[in-house]
Amino acid sequence: MLGYAILAWSYWYAFDMQSNQRWLAWLLAIFYAVTDEIHQSYVPGRTSSMWDVLIFDNLGALISLWVANKTLNKKRSDQPAPNRYYY
C-alpha cells in the first residue's frame, strides 16, 4: 500500500498538484499496479492477484491522494487573501 501511495502522490506532484489532475494520477498508479500483477504472473514463485490491485494498491493510492488534497486545501485556506488594491 505504501509503495502505491507514494507512486500516486508522485504522479500528482508531477502534475503540479492540480485538483483536476488528481484522478489521472490515481489512474496511472492503478495502471502500473495492473501491469505489475501481469509481470508477477510470469515470475516463477510469484502469483498475481487482481484483489491485490483492487484492495491494497487502490486503497494506498486513494488514501495518499485524499490526505494530500486535504493538506493542500488546508494550507491554501490558511493563507491570507491577496491584497488586490495597491496604494
Protein backbone atom coordinates (compact mmCIF):
# COMPACT_ATOMS: atom_id res chain seq x y z
CA MET A 1 0.00 0.00 0.00
CA LEU A 2 2.77 2.42 0.89
CA GLY A 3 4.52 1.98 -2.43
CA TYR A 4 1.40 2.81 -4.42
CA ALA A 5 0.58 5.66 -2.06
CA ILE A 6 3.96 7.21 -2.83
CA LEU A 7 3.58 6.47 -6.55
CA ALA A 8 0.16 8.14 -6.78
CA TRP A 9 1.36 11.16 -4.81
CA SER A 10 4.44 11.42 -7.04
CA TYR A 11 2.30 11.39 -10.18
CA TRP A 12 0.08 14.12 -8.75
CA TYR A 13 3.12 16.14 -7.71
CA ALA A 14 4.39 15.85 -11.29
CA PHE A 15 1.08 17.36 -12.43
CA ASP A 16 1.69 20.40 -10.14
CA MET A 17 -0.92 19.08 -7.69
CA GLN A 18 -3.80 20.45 -9.71
CA SER A 19 -7.16 19.22 -8.43
CA ASN A 20 -8.39 18.20 -11.86
CA GLN A 21 -5.28 16.02 -12.35
CA ARG A 22 -5.72 14.00 -9.13
CA TRP A 23 -7.80 11.32 -10.84
CA LEU A 24 -5.25 10.96 -13.63
CA ALA A 25 -2.56 10.36 -11.01
CA TRP A 26 -4.77 7.69 -9.41
CA LEU A 27 -5.47 6.08 -12.79
CA LEU A 28 -1.76 5.94 -13.67
CA ALA A 29 -0.94 4.33 -10.32
CA ILE A 30 -3.67 1.70 -10.84
CA PHE A 31 -2.49 1.07 -14.40
CA TYR A 32 1.01 0.46 -13.08
CA ALA A 33 -0.40 -1.90 -10.43
CA VAL A 34 -2.20 -3.92 -13.12
CA THR A 35 0.93 -4.17 -15.26
CA ASP A 36 2.93 -5.19 -12.19
CA GLU A 37 0.48 -8.01 -11.47
CA ILE A 38 0.74 -9.18 -15.08
CA HIS A 39 4.51 -9.17 -14.74
CA GLN A 40 4.29 -11.17 -11.49
CA SER A 41 2.32 -13.88 -13.27
CA TYR A 42 5.41 -14.65 -15.38
CA VAL A 43 7.87 -14.74 -12.46
CA PRO A 44 8.45 -18.23 -11.04
CA GLY A 45 7.43 -18.48 -7.40
CA ARG A 46 5.20 -15.40 -7.54
CA THR A 47 1.46 -15.26 -8.02
CA SER A 48 -0.63 -12.43 -9.35
CA SER A 49 -3.92 -11.35 -7.86
CA MET A 50 -6.34 -8.72 -9.06
CA TRP A 51 -7.55 -8.47 -5.45
CA ASP A 52 -4.14 -7.01 -4.70
CA VAL A 53 -4.81 -4.24 -7.20
CA LEU A 54 -8.45 -3.69 -6.24
CA ILE A 55 -7.91 -3.58 -2.50
CA PHE A 56 -4.36 -2.80 -1.37
CA ASP A 57 -2.85 -0.87 -4.28
CA ASN A 58 -6.07 1.04 -4.92
CA LEU A 59 -6.52 1.96 -1.26
CA GLY A 60 -2.91 3.08 -0.92
CA ALA A 61 -3.23 5.37 -3.93
CA LEU A 62 -6.64 6.75 -2.92
CA ILE A 63 -5.72 7.39 0.70
CA SER A 64 -2.50 9.22 -0.18
CA LEU A 65 -4.26 11.43 -2.72
CA TRP A 66 -7.07 12.17 -0.27
CA VAL A 67 -4.66 13.09 2.55
CA ALA A 68 -2.51 15.20 0.21
CA ASN A 69 -5.59 17.00 -1.11
CA LYS A 70 -6.89 17.72 2.42
CA THR A 71 -3.47 19.01 3.49
CA LEU A 72 -3.13 21.17 0.39
CA ASN A 73 -6.64 22.63 0.84
CA LYS A 74 -5.89 23.43 4.48
CA LYS A 75 -2.65 25.20 3.56
CA ARG A 76 -4.46 27.20 0.88
CA SER A 77 -7.25 28.22 3.26
CA ASP A 78 -4.76 29.30 5.94
CA GLN A 79 -3.11 31.78 3.60
CA PRO A 80 -4.50 35.32 3.65
CA ALA A 81 -6.37 36.53 0.61
CA PRO A 82 -4.20 38.52 -1.77
CA ASN A 83 -4.49 42.27 -1.49
CA ARG A 84 -5.94 43.47 -4.78
CA TYR A 85 -5.52 47.12 -4.03
CA TYR A 86 -2.11 48.70 -4.27
CA TYR A 87 -1.61 52.19 -2.90
